[in-house]
Amino acid sequence: MVSKTPFRKEKPDPQRMTILRSLPMEIKEQISGEEAQAFLYNEELPVSLLEKLKDYLVDNEK
């Protein structure tokens, strides 16, 4: 079986892992593997993930 996600040597951000785990189950079920990976490894977040998390994000640019 071939994994679609490339192997990463670095570990995911522990704070982001805690945040992801603390989300309500109905939100976690909607997040794809690619979206979760982008979040955990502090990559540019897909618009689809931002939309799913809009009620949980804080705008720091204000």
C-alpha atoms as a PDB file:
ATOM      1  CA  MET A   1       0.000   0.000   0.000  1.00  0.00           C
ATOM      2  CA  VAL A   2       1.386   3.417  -0.978  1.00  0.00           C
ATOM      3  CA  SER A   3       0.698   6.413   1.229  1.00  0.00           C
ATOM      4  CA  LYS A   4      -0.497   9.597  -0.465  1.00  0.00           C
ATOM      5  CA  THR A   5       1.171  11.721   2.206  1.00  0.00           C
ATOM      6  CA  PRO A   6       4.934  12.081   1.933  1.00  0.00           C
ATOM      7  CA  PHE A   7       7.010  10.961   4.918  1.00  0.00           C
ATOM      8  CA  ARG A   8       8.200  13.884   7.019  1.00  0.00           C
ATOM      9  CA  LYS A   9      11.251  13.856   9.223  1.00  0.00           C
ATOM     10  CA  GLU A  10      10.091  16.835  11.270  1.00  0.00           C
ATOM     11  CA  LYS A  11       7.410  16.371  13.876  1.00  0.00           C
ATOM     12  CA  PRO A  12       4.099  18.216  13.781  1.00  0.00           C
ATOM     13  CA  ASP A  13       3.730  21.324  15.943  1.00  0.00           C
ATOM     14  CA  PRO A  14       2.560  20.016  19.364  1.00  0.00           C
ATOM     15  CA  GLN A  15       0.432  23.109  20.030  1.00  0.00           C
ATOM     16  CA  ARG A  16      -1.321  22.720  16.690  1.00  0.00           C
ATOM     17  CA  MET A  17      -1.846  19.001  17.431  1.00  0.00           C
ATOM     18  CA  THR A  18      -3.533  19.949  20.711  1.00  0.00           C
ATOM     19  CA  ILE A  19      -5.732  22.490  18.925  1.00  0.00           C
ATOM     20  CA  LEU A  20      -6.751  19.987  16.250  1.00  0.00           C
ATOM     21  CA  ARG A  21      -7.602  17.368  18.862  1.00  0.00           C
ATOM     22  CA  SER A  22      -9.690  19.864  20.852  1.00  0.00           C
ATOM     23  CA  LEU A  23     -12.014  20.675  17.952  1.00  0.00           C
ATOM     24  CA  PRO A  24     -15.575  19.325  18.081  1.00  0.00           C
ATOM     25  CA  MET A  25     -15.961  15.897  16.457  1.00  0.00           C
ATOM     26  CA  GLU A  26     -18.254  17.246  13.721  1.00  0.00           C
ATOM     27  CA  ILE A  27     -15.491  19.643  12.624  1.00  0.00           C
ATOM     28  CA  LYS A  28     -12.713  17.037  12.837  1.00  0.00           C
ATOM     29  CA  GLU A  29     -14.734  14.683  10.645  1.00  0.00           C
ATOM     30  CA  GLN A  30     -14.860  17.330   7.894  1.00  0.00           C
ATOM     31  CA  ILE A  31     -11.092  17.982   7.790  1.00  0.00           C
ATOM     32  CA  SER A  32      -9.205  16.087   5.085  1.00  0.00           C
ATOM     33  CA  GLY A  33      -5.762  14.579   5.592  1.00  0.00           C
ATOM     34  CA  GLU A  34      -4.186  17.254   3.406  1.00  0.00           C
ATOM     35  CA  GLU A  35      -5.874  20.025   5.401  1.00  0.00           C
ATOM     36  CA  ALA A  36      -4.772  18.501   8.704  1.00  0.00           C
ATOM     37  CA  GLN A  37      -1.204  18.142   7.447  1.00  0.00           C
ATOM     38  CA  ALA A  38      -1.078  21.779   6.334  1.00  0.00           C
ATOM     39  CA  PHE A  39      -2.328  22.869   9.756  1.00  0.00           C
ATOM     40  CA  LEU A  40      -0.013  20.600  11.766  1.00  0.00           C
ATOM     41  CA  TYR A  41       3.120  21.516   9.823  1.00  0.00           C
ATOM     42  CA  ASN A  42       2.379  25.258   9.702  1.00  0.00           C
ATOM     43  CA  GLU A  43       2.002  25.329   5.908  1.00  0.00           C
ATOM     44  CA  GLU A  44      -0.223  27.704   3.984  1.00  0.00           C
ATOM     45  CA  LEU A  45      -3.765  26.751   4.947  1.00  0.00           C
ATOM     46  CA  PRO A  46      -6.169  25.789   2.172  1.00  0.00           C
ATOM     47  CA  VAL A  47      -9.204  28.039   1.798  1.00  0.00           C
ATOM     48  CA  SER A  48     -11.396  24.978   2.433  1.00  0.00           C
ATOM     49  CA  LEU A  49      -9.818  24.526   5.874  1.00  0.00           C
ATOM     50  CA  LEU A  50     -10.108  28.208   6.720  1.00  0.00           C
ATOM     51  CA  GLU A  51     -13.806  28.016   5.905  1.00  0.00           C
ATOM     52  CA  LYS A  52     -14.265  24.993   8.199  1.00  0.00           C
ATOM     53  CA  LEU A  53     -12.376  26.693  11.040  1.00  0.00           C
ATOM     54  CA  LYS A  54     -13.737  30.228  10.628  1.00  0.00           C
ATOM     55  CA  ASP A  55     -15.655  30.077  13.934  1.00  0.00           C
ATOM     56  CA  TYR A  56     -12.487  29.008  15.791  1.00  0.00           C
ATOM     57  CA  LEU A  57      -9.899  31.408  14.305  1.00  0.00           C
ATOM     58  CA  VAL A  58      -8.813  34.774  15.685  1.00  0.00           C
ATOM     59  CA  ASP A  59      -7.803  37.552  13.292  1.00  0.00           C
ATOM     60  CA  ASN A  60      -4.445  38.867  14.539  1.00  0.00           C
ATOM     61  CA  GLU A  61      -4.202  41.550  11.836  1.00  0.00           C
ATOM     62  CA  LYS A  62      -6.586  43.929  13.600  1.00  0.00           C
END
